[in-house]
């Protein structure tokens, strides 16, 4: 009798152990983490830092493992980072290109490894658009349109005048620079037929999206004696605008009054300047791309590439000196 009881106990223990092993095996299979390689172009501004934080936070909240690399404003470094993601065999690549050209070869490597690529913020120019799955970011041309519309409306009642605009552009050969400029010019030309005022681009100078270079560009322009003829400063980002304001401190020009200032990004510091009347219009470029990136990756994993549109735009707005400032949401950057 004792021997039979011993056999029964052994069999029960074997069954329980077998069930436990099977359950653990199933858990290991289903809990395999999704790995995302994320290459950011740099950390040149508060906007860029917030953009990075937004993407990393949303992906990690979803339970994805994120391998992050900072390109430090160097395309070759970004290419090497993306290649390391391919070698690691990540499940997806997210990257914000420093510039448009020069990505074909590395994206072909990703395609050969069957790794989907999500381009975020700036665009890429490639011979084969299928090398990336989707682009997620702002409509840069619409941002330029909004800036141009504000300037057109501001001077609508000033008939028979010529308004001179100084355009402080961003990094050459990038989609924000090209499309913001295109959108702004398109709008002021379109509205010219409806107004008695002529709005023209007097000059376009580059500050590379960097505060220091924006300051240097405006300082040089002031030293050349050209600033006195300018009615509007249209700056492609807040960092350059802050640099421009620093350069203007040594002049008799009163920003926001003598010089109408329109800038793009909507960093907290610039919204504070708007409230003080130092700048007149701030066009938002929304850095909160994380939720859009997360949703796109989720949709791809659940439903495949056909479920993803080629363009995914983030929502944005405009803040101006004539609005109710209490309606401006808190800025996180």
C-alpha atoms as a PDB file:
ATOM      1  CA  UNK A   1       0.000   0.000   0.000  1.00  0.00           C
ATOM      2  CA  UNK A   2       2.804   2.388   0.923  1.00  0.00           C
ATOM      3  CA  UNK A   3       4.574   1.543  -2.335  1.00  0.00           C
ATOM      4  CA  UNK A   4       1.416   2.359  -4.386  1.00  0.00           C
ATOM      5  CA  UNK A   5       1.026   5.673  -2.533  1.00  0.00           C
ATOM      6  CA  UNK A   6       4.646   6.496  -3.332  1.00  0.00           C
ATOM      7  CA  UNK A   7       4.047   5.883  -7.066  1.00  0.00           C
ATOM      8  CA  UNK A   8       0.947   8.104  -7.023  1.00  0.00           C
ATOM      9  CA  UNK A   9       2.874  10.962  -5.386  1.00  0.00           C
ATOM     10  CA  UNK A  10       5.731  10.667  -7.907  1.00  0.00           C
ATOM     11  CA  UNK A  11       3.271  10.732 -10.842  1.00  0.00           C
ATOM     12  CA  UNK A  12       1.488  13.792  -9.396  1.00  0.00           C
ATOM     13  CA  UNK A  13       4.790  15.620  -8.906  1.00  0.00           C
ATOM     14  CA  UNK A  14       5.833  14.780 -12.483  1.00  0.00           C
ATOM     15  CA  UNK A  15       2.553  16.115 -13.849  1.00  0.00           C
ATOM     16  CA  UNK A  16       2.811  19.317 -11.818  1.00  0.00           C
ATOM     17  CA  UNK A  17       6.432  19.823 -12.870  1.00  0.00           C
ATOM     18  CA  UNK A  18       5.516  19.210 -16.502  1.00  0.00           C
ATOM     19  CA  UNK A  19       2.716  21.784 -16.349  1.00  0.00           C
ATOM     20  CA  UNK A  20       5.054  24.317 -14.777  1.00  0.00           C
ATOM     21  CA  UNK A  21       7.679  23.832 -17.471  1.00  0.00           C
ATOM     22  CA  UNK A  22       5.040  24.179 -20.196  1.00  0.00           C
ATOM     23  CA  UNK A  23       3.633  27.377 -18.633  1.00  0.00           C
ATOM     24  CA  UNK A  24       7.096  28.929 -18.315  1.00  0.00           C
ATOM     25  CA  UNK A  25       7.889  28.078 -21.928  1.00  0.00           C
ATOM     26  CA  UNK A  26       4.705  29.809 -23.102  1.00  0.00           C
ATOM     27  CA  UNK A  27       5.511  32.900 -21.042  1.00  0.00           C
ATOM     28  CA  UNK A  28       9.006  33.134 -22.512  1.00  0.00           C
ATOM     29  CA  UNK A  29       7.599  32.959 -26.038  1.00  0.00           C
ATOM     30  CA  UNK A  30       4.954  35.637 -25.559  1.00  0.00           C
ATOM     31  CA  UNK A  31       7.115  38.013 -23.502  1.00  0.00           C
ATOM     32  CA  UNK A  32       9.831  38.442 -26.173  1.00  0.00           C
ATOM     33  CA  UNK A  33      10.433  42.200 -26.261  1.00  0.00           C
ATOM     34  CA  UNK A  34      10.241  44.289 -29.415  1.00  0.00           C
ATOM     35  CA  UNK A  35      13.493  46.185 -29.990  1.00  0.00           C
ATOM     36  CA  UNK A  36      13.425  49.624 -31.658  1.00  0.00           C
ATOM     37  CA  UNK A  37      16.581  51.362 -32.885  1.00  0.00           C
ATOM     38  CA  UNK A  38      16.186  55.138 -32.570  1.00  0.00           C
ATOM     39  CA  UNK A  39      18.720  57.474 -34.223  1.00  0.00           C
ATOM     40  CA  UNK A  40      18.270  61.185 -33.405  1.00  0.00           C
ATOM     41  CA  UNK A  41      20.060  63.827 -35.484  1.00  0.00           C
ATOM     42  CA  UNK A  42      21.334  65.852 -32.516  1.00  0.00           C
ATOM     43  CA  UNK A  43      20.529  67.869 -29.394  1.00  0.00           C
ATOM     44  CA  UNK A  44      20.924  71.386 -30.792  1.00  0.00           C
ATOM     45  CA  UNK A  45      17.816  72.865 -29.146  1.00  0.00           C
ATOM     46  CA  UNK A  46      15.216  72.481 -26.420  1.00  0.00           C
ATOM     47  CA  UNK A  47      12.810  71.462 -29.200  1.00  0.00           C
ATOM     48  CA  UNK A  48      15.068  68.602 -30.297  1.00  0.00           C
ATOM     49  CA  UNK A  49      15.578  67.399 -26.725  1.00  0.00           C
ATOM     50  CA  UNK A  50      11.804  67.346 -26.149  1.00  0.00           C
ATOM     51  CA  UNK A  51      11.306  65.540 -29.471  1.00  0.00           C
ATOM     52  CA  UNK A  52      13.757  62.832 -28.354  1.00  0.00           C
ATOM     53  CA  UNK A  53      12.177  62.520 -24.919  1.00  0.00           C
ATOM     54  CA  UNK A  54       8.681  62.245 -26.395  1.00  0.00           C
ATOM     55  CA  UNK A  55       9.603  59.349 -28.697  1.00  0.00           C
ATOM     56  CA  UNK A  56      11.660  57.426 -26.149  1.00  0.00           C
ATOM     57  CA  UNK A  57       9.038  57.821 -23.414  1.00  0.00           C
ATOM     58  CA  UNK A  58       6.093  56.664 -25.534  1.00  0.00           C
ATOM     59  CA  UNK A  59       7.942  53.652 -26.924  1.00  0.00           C
ATOM     60  CA  UNK A  60       9.177  52.577 -23.500  1.00  0.00           C
ATOM     61  CA  UNK A  61       5.694  53.021 -21.994  1.00  0.00           C
ATOM     62  CA  UNK A  62       4.463  50.592 -24.643  1.00  0.00           C
ATOM     63  CA  UNK A  63       6.995  48.033 -23.386  1.00  0.00           C
ATOM     64  CA  UNK A  64       9.379  48.299 -26.318  1.00  0.00           C
ATOM     65  CA  UNK A  65      13.120  48.119 -25.741  1.00  0.00           C
ATOM     66  CA  UNK A  66      14.684  51.267 -27.228  1.00  0.00           C
ATOM     67  CA  UNK A  67      18.307  51.434 -28.362  1.00  0.00           C
ATOM     68  CA  UNK A  68      18.988  55.173 -28.621  1.00  0.00           C
ATOM     69  CA  UNK A  69      21.827  56.868 -30.489  1.00  0.00           C
ATOM     70  CA  UNK A  70      22.613  60.601 -30.803  1.00  0.00           C
ATOM     71  CA  UNK A  71      24.022  61.615 -34.204  1.00  0.00           C
ATOM     72  CA  UNK A  72      25.498  64.909 -32.891  1.00  0.00           C
ATOM     73  CA  UNK A  73      24.627  66.731 -36.163  1.00  0.00           C
ATOM     74  CA  UNK A  74      26.799  64.338 -38.182  1.00  0.00           C
ATOM     75  CA  UNK A  75      25.268  62.304 -41.011  1.00  0.00           C
ATOM     76  CA  UNK A  76      28.084  59.745 -41.176  1.00  0.00           C
ATOM     77  CA  UNK A  77      27.648  59.058 -37.491  1.00  0.00           C
ATOM     78  CA  UNK A  78      23.925  58.529 -38.015  1.00  0.00           C
ATOM     79  CA  UNK A  79      24.613  56.100 -40.851  1.00  0.00           C
ATOM     80  CA  UNK A  80      26.954  54.080 -38.633  1.00  0.00           C
ATOM     81  CA  UNK A  81      24.338  54.068 -35.859  1.00  0.00           C
ATOM     82  CA  UNK A  82      21.677  52.756 -38.233  1.00  0.00           C
ATOM     83  CA  UNK A  83      24.094  50.092 -39.475  1.00  0.00           C
ATOM     84  CA  UNK A  84      24.633  48.967 -35.872  1.00  0.00           C
ATOM     85  CA  UNK A  85      20.838  48.596 -35.513  1.00  0.00           C
ATOM     86  CA  UNK A  86      20.793  46.378 -38.611  1.00  0.00           C
ATOM     87  CA  UNK A  87      23.610  44.202 -37.248  1.00  0.00           C
ATOM     88  CA  UNK A  88      21.723  43.932 -33.946  1.00  0.00           C
ATOM     89  CA  UNK A  89      18.633  42.847 -35.937  1.00  0.00           C
ATOM     90  CA  UNK A  90      16.215  45.279 -34.327  1.00  0.00           C
ATOM     91  CA  UNK A  91      12.515  44.932 -35.113  1.00  0.00           C
ATOM     92  CA  UNK A  92      12.172  48.500 -36.456  1.00  0.00           C
ATOM     93  CA  UNK A  93      14.287  51.602 -37.051  1.00  0.00           C
ATOM     94  CA  UNK A  94      13.151  55.124 -36.177  1.00  0.00           C
ATOM     95  CA  UNK A  95      15.396  57.960 -37.296  1.00  0.00           C
ATOM     96  CA  UNK A  96      15.336  61.732 -37.743  1.00  0.00           C
ATOM     97  CA  UNK A  97      17.574  62.575 -40.710  1.00  0.00           C
ATOM     98  CA  UNK A  98      20.005  65.466 -40.406  1.00  0.00           C
ATOM     99  CA  UNK A  99      19.552  66.237 -44.111  1.00  0.00           C
ATOM    100  CA  UNK A 100      17.565  64.908 -47.057  1.00  0.00           C
ATOM    101  CA  UNK A 101      20.204  63.368 -49.329  1.00  0.00           C
ATOM    102  CA  UNK A 102      22.634  60.490 -48.813  1.00  0.00           C
ATOM    103  CA  UNK A 103      20.457  57.780 -47.228  1.00  0.00           C
ATOM    104  CA  UNK A 104      19.875  55.368 -50.136  1.00  0.00           C
ATOM    105  CA  UNK A 105      22.676  52.905 -49.363  1.00  0.00           C
ATOM    106  CA  UNK A 106      21.978  52.465 -45.657  1.00  0.00           C
ATOM    107  CA  UNK A 107      18.212  52.216 -46.173  1.00  0.00           C
ATOM    108  CA  UNK A 108      18.825  49.539 -48.816  1.00  0.00           C
ATOM    109  CA  UNK A 109      20.773  47.610 -46.167  1.00  0.00           C
ATOM    110  CA  UNK A 110      17.798  47.888 -43.817  1.00  0.00           C
ATOM    111  CA  UNK A 111      15.433  46.712 -46.564  1.00  0.00           C
ATOM    112  CA  UNK A 112      17.647  43.695 -47.301  1.00  0.00           C
ATOM    113  CA  UNK A 113      17.513  42.844 -43.596  1.00  0.00           C
ATOM    114  CA  UNK A 114      13.699  43.166 -43.745  1.00  0.00           C
ATOM    115  CA  UNK A 115      13.660  45.915 -41.079  1.00  0.00           C
ATOM    116  CA  UNK A 116      10.955  48.606 -41.480  1.00  0.00           C
ATOM    117  CA  UNK A 117      12.159  52.226 -41.295  1.00  0.00           C
ATOM    118  CA  UNK A 118      10.084  55.061 -39.807  1.00  0.00           C
ATOM    119  CA  UNK A 119      11.392  58.510 -40.834  1.00  0.00           C
ATOM    120  CA  UNK A 120      10.525  61.191 -38.262  1.00  0.00           C
ATOM    121  CA  UNK A 121      10.604  65.007 -38.425  1.00  0.00           C
ATOM    122  CA  UNK A 122      12.674  65.936 -41.514  1.00  0.00           C
ATOM    123  CA  UNK A 123      12.150  64.205 -44.847  1.00  0.00           C
ATOM    124  CA  UNK A 124      14.557  62.044 -46.845  1.00  0.00           C
ATOM    125  CA  UNK A 125      15.079  62.123 -50.601  1.00  0.00           C
ATOM    126  CA  UNK A 126      15.677  58.610 -51.956  1.00  0.00           C
ATOM    127  CA  UNK A 127      15.412  57.076 -55.432  1.00  0.00           C
ATOM    128  CA  UNK A 128      13.112  54.335 -54.113  1.00  0.00           C
ATOM    129  CA  UNK A 129      10.413  55.589 -51.683  1.00  0.00           C
ATOM    130  CA  UNK A 130       9.701  52.007 -50.585  1.00  0.00           C
ATOM    131  CA  UNK A 131      13.004  52.073 -48.665  1.00  0.00           C
ATOM    132  CA  UNK A 132      11.135  53.683 -45.755  1.00  0.00           C
ATOM    133  CA  UNK A 133       7.702  52.742 -44.481  1.00  0.00           C
ATOM    134  CA  UNK A 134       6.351  56.175 -43.550  1.00  0.00           C
ATOM    135  CA  UNK A 135       7.262  59.758 -42.665  1.00  0.00           C
ATOM    136  CA  UNK A 136       5.939  61.096 -39.357  1.00  0.00           C
ATOM    137  CA  UNK A 137       6.226  64.810 -38.619  1.00  0.00           C
ATOM    138  CA  UNK A 138       5.041  68.363 -39.175  1.00  0.00           C
ATOM    139  CA  UNK A 139       3.842  69.848 -42.436  1.00  0.00           C
ATOM    140  CA  UNK A 140       6.722  72.290 -42.858  1.00  0.00           C
ATOM    141  CA  UNK A 141       5.115  73.979 -45.836  1.00  0.00           C
ATOM    142  CA  UNK A 142       1.940  74.605 -43.814  1.00  0.00           C
ATOM    143  CA  UNK A 143       4.103  76.205 -41.102  1.00  0.00           C
ATOM    144  CA  UNK A 144       5.529  78.583 -43.714  1.00  0.00           C
ATOM    145  CA  UNK A 145       2.010  79.271 -44.991  1.00  0.00           C
ATOM    146  CA  UNK A 146       0.853  80.208 -41.486  1.00  0.00           C
ATOM    147  CA  UNK A 147       3.807  82.547 -40.973  1.00  0.00           C
ATOM    148  CA  UNK A 148       3.131  84.216 -44.323  1.00  0.00           C
ATOM    149  CA  UNK A 149      -0.580  84.562 -43.560  1.00  0.00           C
ATOM    150  CA  UNK A 150       0.157  86.342 -40.289  1.00  0.00           C
ATOM    151  CA  UNK A 151       2.429  88.864 -42.040  1.00  0.00           C
ATOM    152  CA  UNK A 152      -0.136  89.439 -44.811  1.00  0.00           C
ATOM    153  CA  UNK A 153      -2.927  90.023 -42.300  1.00  0.00           C
ATOM    154  CA  UNK A 154      -0.784  92.272 -40.101  1.00  0.00           C
ATOM    155  CA  UNK A 155      -0.075  94.712 -42.941  1.00  0.00           C
ATOM    156  CA  UNK A 156      -3.429  94.345 -44.719  1.00  0.00           C
ATOM    157  CA  UNK A 157      -4.575  97.897 -43.930  1.00  0.00           C
ATOM    158  CA  UNK A 158      -1.298  99.594 -44.867  1.00  0.00           C
ATOM    159  CA  UNK A 159      -1.946 100.474 -48.508  1.00  0.00           C
ATOM    160  CA  UNK A 160       0.658 101.552 -51.042  1.00  0.00           C
ATOM    161  CA  UNK A 161       3.536 100.367 -48.907  1.00  0.00           C
ATOM    162  CA  UNK A 162       6.399  97.961 -49.487  1.00  0.00           C
ATOM    163  CA  UNK A 163       7.176  95.644 -46.578  1.00  0.00           C
ATOM    164  CA  UNK A 164      10.706  94.238 -46.522  1.00  0.00           C
ATOM    165  CA  UNK A 165      11.201  90.808 -44.961  1.00  0.00           C
ATOM    166  CA  UNK A 166      14.492  89.388 -43.732  1.00  0.00           C
ATOM    167  CA  UNK A 167      14.296  85.585 -43.778  1.00  0.00           C
ATOM    168  CA  UNK A 168      16.557  83.818 -41.295  1.00  0.00           C
ATOM    169  CA  UNK A 169      16.716  80.301 -42.722  1.00  0.00           C
ATOM    170  CA  UNK A 170      17.698  76.983 -41.207  1.00  0.00           C
ATOM    171  CA  UNK A 171      20.202  74.354 -42.284  1.00  0.00           C
ATOM    172  CA  UNK A 172      20.625  74.149 -46.057  1.00  0.00           C
ATOM    173  CA  UNK A 173      19.405  71.035 -47.916  1.00  0.00           C
ATOM    174  CA  UNK A 174      16.833  70.160 -45.273  1.00  0.00           C
ATOM    175  CA  UNK A 175      13.088  69.872 -45.767  1.00  0.00           C
ATOM    176  CA  UNK A 176      12.124  72.337 -42.976  1.00  0.00           C
ATOM    177  CA  UNK A 177      14.254  75.064 -44.563  1.00  0.00           C
ATOM    178  CA  UNK A 178      13.056  74.463 -48.099  1.00  0.00           C
ATOM    179  CA  UNK A 179       9.372  73.948 -47.316  1.00  0.00           C
ATOM    180  CA  UNK A 180       9.000  76.720 -44.737  1.00  0.00           C
ATOM    181  CA  UNK A 181      10.540  79.158 -47.192  1.00  0.00           C
ATOM    182  CA  UNK A 182       8.361  77.861 -50.020  1.00  0.00           C
ATOM    183  CA  UNK A 183       5.178  78.073 -47.931  1.00  0.00           C
ATOM    184  CA  UNK A 184       5.913  81.606 -46.714  1.00  0.00           C
ATOM    185  CA  UNK A 185       6.695  82.947 -50.191  1.00  0.00           C
ATOM    186  CA  UNK A 186       3.705  81.200 -51.705  1.00  0.00           C
ATOM    187  CA  UNK A 187       1.341  82.831 -49.218  1.00  0.00           C
ATOM    188  CA  UNK A 188       2.638  86.401 -49.449  1.00  0.00           C
ATOM    189  CA  UNK A 189       2.532  86.173 -53.256  1.00  0.00           C
ATOM    190  CA  UNK A 190      -0.993  84.787 -53.241  1.00  0.00           C
ATOM    191  CA  UNK A 191      -2.247  87.496 -50.883  1.00  0.00           C
ATOM    192  CA  UNK A 192      -0.510  90.231 -52.881  1.00  0.00           C
ATOM    193  CA  UNK A 193      -3.390  90.225 -55.374  1.00  0.00           C
ATOM    194  CA  UNK A 194      -5.904  90.932 -52.596  1.00  0.00           C
ATOM    195  CA  UNK A 195      -3.963  93.715 -50.851  1.00  0.00           C
ATOM    196  CA  UNK A 196      -2.596  97.138 -51.711  1.00  0.00           C
ATOM    197  CA  UNK A 197       0.644  96.342 -49.925  1.00  0.00           C
ATOM    198  CA  UNK A 198       3.736  94.701 -51.399  1.00  0.00           C
ATOM    199  CA  UNK A 199       5.487  92.167 -49.163  1.00  0.00           C
ATOM    200  CA  UNK A 200       8.883  91.088 -50.468  1.00  0.00           C
ATOM    201  CA  UNK A 201      11.841  89.045 -49.266  1.00  0.00           C
ATOM    202  CA  UNK A 202      14.659  91.588 -49.045  1.00  0.00           C
ATOM    203  CA  UNK A 203      17.294  89.008 -48.063  1.00  0.00           C
ATOM    204  CA  UNK A 204      17.610  85.419 -46.882  1.00  0.00           C
ATOM    205  CA  UNK A 205      20.502  84.538 -44.561  1.00  0.00           C
ATOM    206  CA  UNK A 206      21.276  81.234 -42.870  1.00  0.00           C
ATOM    207  CA  UNK A 207      21.649  80.454 -39.179  1.00  0.00           C
ATOM    208  CA  UNK A 208      21.631  76.622 -39.488  1.00  0.00           C
ATOM    209  CA  UNK A 209      18.874  76.315 -36.818  1.00  0.00           C
ATOM    210  CA  UNK A 210      21.505  77.187 -34.154  1.00  0.00           C
ATOM    211  CA  UNK A 211      21.244  80.078 -31.673  1.00  0.00           C
ATOM    212  CA  UNK A 212      24.874  81.161 -31.946  1.00  0.00           C
ATOM    213  CA  UNK A 213      24.817  81.157 -35.744  1.00  0.00           C
ATOM    214  CA  UNK A 214      21.529  83.041 -35.804  1.00  0.00           C
ATOM    215  CA  UNK A 215      23.080  85.726 -33.620  1.00  0.00           C
ATOM    216  CA  UNK A 216      26.207  85.909 -35.801  1.00  0.00           C
ATOM    217  CA  UNK A 217      24.131  86.186 -39.001  1.00  0.00           C
ATOM    218  CA  UNK A 218      22.081  89.107 -37.637  1.00  0.00           C
ATOM    219  CA  UNK A 219      25.163  90.826 -36.175  1.00  0.00           C
ATOM    220  CA  UNK A 220      26.789  90.733 -39.598  1.00  0.00           C
ATOM    221  CA  UNK A 221      23.630  92.059 -41.219  1.00  0.00           C
ATOM    222  CA  UNK A 222      23.508  94.946 -38.731  1.00  0.00           C
ATOM    223  CA  UNK A 223      27.186  95.801 -39.301  1.00  0.00           C
ATOM    224  CA  UNK A 224      26.527  95.955 -43.046  1.00  0.00           C
ATOM    225  CA  UNK A 225      23.925  98.628 -42.369  1.00  0.00           C
ATOM    226  CA  UNK A 226      21.030  96.674 -43.865  1.00  0.00           C
ATOM    227  CA  UNK A 227      18.795  96.199 -40.842  1.00  0.00           C
ATOM    228  CA  UNK A 228      17.244  99.688 -40.943  1.00  0.00           C
ATOM    229  CA  UNK A 229      15.277  98.835 -44.104  1.00  0.00           C
ATOM    230  CA  UNK A 230      13.756  95.632 -42.657  1.00  0.00           C
ATOM    231  CA  UNK A 231      10.140  95.605 -41.411  1.00  0.00           C
ATOM    232  CA  UNK A 232       9.756  91.874 -40.662  1.00  0.00           C
ATOM    233  CA  UNK A 233      12.086  89.155 -39.398  1.00  0.00           C
ATOM    234  CA  UNK A 234      10.840  85.704 -40.395  1.00  0.00           C
ATOM    235  CA  UNK A 235      12.943  83.124 -38.543  1.00  0.00           C
ATOM    236  CA  UNK A 236      12.772  79.398 -39.258  1.00  0.00           C
ATOM    237  CA  UNK A 237      13.180  78.400 -35.612  1.00  0.00           C
ATOM    238  CA  UNK A 238      13.154  79.780 -32.066  1.00  0.00           C
ATOM    239  CA  UNK A 239      16.815  79.094 -31.346  1.00  0.00           C
ATOM    240  CA  UNK A 240      17.916  81.382 -34.185  1.00  0.00           C
ATOM    241  CA  UNK A 241      15.306  83.940 -33.110  1.00  0.00           C
ATOM    242  CA  UNK A 242      16.758  84.045 -29.600  1.00  0.00           C
ATOM    243  CA  UNK A 243      20.184  84.643 -31.138  1.00  0.00           C
ATOM    244  CA  UNK A 244      18.732  87.404 -33.321  1.00  0.00           C
ATOM    245  CA  UNK A 245      17.156  89.089 -30.289  1.00  0.00           C
ATOM    246  CA  UNK A 246      20.534  89.037 -28.543  1.00  0.00           C
ATOM    247  CA  UNK A 247      22.105  90.731 -31.574  1.00  0.00           C
ATOM    248  CA  UNK A 248      19.367  93.385 -31.639  1.00  0.00           C
ATOM    249  CA  UNK A 249      20.090  94.396 -28.029  1.00  0.00           C
ATOM    250  CA  UNK A 250      22.968  96.571 -29.271  1.00  0.00           C
ATOM    251  CA  UNK A 251      20.714  98.558 -31.628  1.00  0.00           C
ATOM    252  CA  UNK A 252      17.910 101.117 -31.284  1.00  0.00           C
ATOM    253  CA  UNK A 253      15.463  98.695 -32.915  1.00  0.00           C
ATOM    254  CA  UNK A 254      12.600  97.652 -30.616  1.00  0.00           C
ATOM    255  CA  UNK A 255      11.646  94.020 -31.357  1.00  0.00           C
ATOM    256  CA  UNK A 256       7.908  93.512 -31.675  1.00  0.00           C
ATOM    257  CA  UNK A 257       7.310  97.184 -32.578  1.00  0.00           C
ATOM    258  CA  UNK A 258       9.938  98.566 -34.937  1.00  0.00           C
ATOM    259  CA  UNK A 259      10.576  95.059 -36.211  1.00  0.00           C
ATOM    260  CA  UNK A 260       7.730  92.539 -36.526  1.00  0.00           C
ATOM    261  CA  UNK A 261       9.060  89.097 -35.596  1.00  0.00           C
ATOM    262  CA  UNK A 262       7.555  85.797 -36.725  1.00  0.00           C
ATOM    263  CA  UNK A 263       9.230  82.595 -35.538  1.00  0.00           C
ATOM    264  CA  UNK A 264       8.627  78.836 -35.702  1.00  0.00           C
ATOM    265  CA  UNK A 265       8.733  76.184 -32.942  1.00  0.00           C
ATOM    266  CA  UNK A 266       6.909  77.557 -29.858  1.00  0.00           C
ATOM    267  CA  UNK A 267       9.488  76.776 -27.176  1.00  0.00           C
ATOM    268  CA  UNK A 268       8.575  78.042 -23.704  1.00  0.00           C
ATOM    269  CA  UNK A 269      11.128  80.869 -23.869  1.00  0.00           C
ATOM    270  CA  UNK A 270       9.596  82.149 -27.096  1.00  0.00           C
ATOM    271  CA  UNK A 271       6.037  81.981 -25.759  1.00  0.00           C
ATOM    272  CA  UNK A 272       7.274  84.090 -22.822  1.00  0.00           C
ATOM    273  CA  UNK A 273       8.683  86.589 -25.348  1.00  0.00           C
ATOM    274  CA  UNK A 274       5.328  86.616 -27.134  1.00  0.00           C
ATOM    275  CA  UNK A 275       3.539  87.480 -23.884  1.00  0.00           C
ATOM    276  CA  UNK A 276       6.013  90.334 -23.301  1.00  0.00           C
ATOM    277  CA  UNK A 277       5.411  91.727 -26.789  1.00  0.00           C
ATOM    278  CA  UNK A 278       8.994  91.062 -27.916  1.00  0.00           C
ATOM    279  CA  UNK A 279       7.831  88.797 -30.758  1.00  0.00           C
ATOM    280  CA  UNK A 280       4.534  89.024 -32.610  1.00  0.00           C
ATOM    281  CA  UNK A 281       3.740  85.532 -33.886  1.00  0.00           C
ATOM    282  CA  UNK A 282       4.905  82.030 -32.968  1.00  0.00           C
ATOM    283  CA  UNK A 283       4.034  79.206 -35.355  1.00  0.00           C
ATOM    284  CA  UNK A 284       4.031  75.898 -33.536  1.00  0.00           C
ATOM    285  CA  UNK A 285       6.225  73.016 -34.673  1.00  0.00           C
ATOM    286  CA  UNK A 286       5.034  70.219 -32.422  1.00  0.00           C
ATOM    287  CA  UNK A 287       7.846  68.063 -30.952  1.00  0.00           C
ATOM    288  CA  UNK A 288       5.393  65.634 -29.320  1.00  0.00           C
ATOM    289  CA  UNK A 289       5.809  63.002 -32.017  1.00  0.00           C
ATOM    290  CA  UNK A 290       6.095  60.049 -29.639  1.00  0.00           C
ATOM    291  CA  UNK A 291       2.452  58.969 -29.629  1.00  0.00           C
ATOM    292  CA  UNK A 292       2.322  59.116 -33.440  1.00  0.00           C
ATOM    293  CA  UNK A 293       5.473  56.978 -33.723  1.00  0.00           C
ATOM    294  CA  UNK A 294       4.175  54.494 -31.165  1.00  0.00           C
ATOM    295  CA  UNK A 295       0.783  54.169 -32.884  1.00  0.00           C
ATOM    296  CA  UNK A 296       2.397  53.686 -36.291  1.00  0.00           C
ATOM    297  CA  UNK A 297       4.660  50.897 -34.990  1.00  0.00           C
ATOM    298  CA  UNK A 298       1.736  49.236 -33.197  1.00  0.00           C
ATOM    299  CA  UNK A 299      -0.360  49.340 -36.360  1.00  0.00           C
ATOM    300  CA  UNK A 300       2.496  47.900 -38.418  1.00  0.00           C
ATOM    301  CA  UNK A 301       3.033  45.009 -35.976  1.00  0.00           C
ATOM    302  CA  UNK A 302      -0.683  44.253 -35.788  1.00  0.00           C
ATOM    303  CA  UNK A 303      -1.783  44.778 -39.395  1.00  0.00           C
ATOM    304  CA  UNK A 304       1.320  44.990 -41.592  1.00  0.00           C
ATOM    305  CA  UNK A 305       2.853  47.606 -43.872  1.00  0.00           C
ATOM    306  CA  UNK A 306      -0.311  48.102 -45.947  1.00  0.00           C
ATOM    307  CA  UNK A 307      -2.039  49.623 -42.910  1.00  0.00           C
ATOM    308  CA  UNK A 308       0.456  52.520 -42.699  1.00  0.00           C
ATOM    309  CA  UNK A 309      -0.018  55.744 -44.737  1.00  0.00           C
ATOM    310  CA  UNK A 310       3.072  57.201 -46.390  1.00  0.00           C
ATOM    311  CA  UNK A 311       2.626  60.507 -44.528  1.00  0.00           C
ATOM    312  CA  UNK A 312       1.510  60.973 -40.914  1.00  0.00           C
ATOM    313  CA  UNK A 313       1.218  64.618 -39.821  1.00  0.00           C
ATOM    314  CA  UNK A 314       1.308  65.847 -36.223  1.00  0.00           C
ATOM    315  CA  UNK A 315      -1.226  68.537 -35.262  1.00  0.00           C
ATOM    316  CA  UNK A 316       0.001  72.147 -34.830  1.00  0.00           C
ATOM    317  CA  UNK A 317      -1.325  75.665 -34.259  1.00  0.00           C
ATOM    318  CA  UNK A 318      -0.341  79.368 -34.218  1.00  0.00           C
ATOM    319  CA  UNK A 319       0.100  81.770 -31.288  1.00  0.00           C
ATOM    320  CA  UNK A 320      -0.034  85.536 -31.852  1.00  0.00           C
ATOM    321  CA  UNK A 321       0.100  88.746 -29.826  1.00  0.00           C
ATOM    322  CA  UNK A 322      -3.632  89.435 -30.238  1.00  0.00           C
ATOM    323  CA  UNK A 323      -4.836  86.155 -28.682  1.00  0.00           C
ATOM    324  CA  UNK A 324      -5.898  85.250 -25.157  1.00  0.00           C
ATOM    325  CA  UNK A 325      -2.635  84.009 -23.620  1.00  0.00           C
ATOM    326  CA  UNK A 326      -4.500  81.920 -21.053  1.00  0.00           C
ATOM    327  CA  UNK A 327      -5.489  79.636 -23.945  1.00  0.00           C
ATOM    328  CA  UNK A 328      -1.850  78.675 -24.598  1.00  0.00           C
ATOM    329  CA  UNK A 329      -1.172  75.237 -23.077  1.00  0.00           C
ATOM    330  CA  UNK A 330       1.940  74.806 -20.887  1.00  0.00           C
ATOM    331  CA  UNK A 331       5.096  74.232 -22.908  1.00  0.00           C
ATOM    332  CA  UNK A 332       7.258  71.227 -22.019  1.00  0.00           C
ATOM    333  CA  UNK A 333      10.341  72.457 -23.843  1.00  0.00           C
END
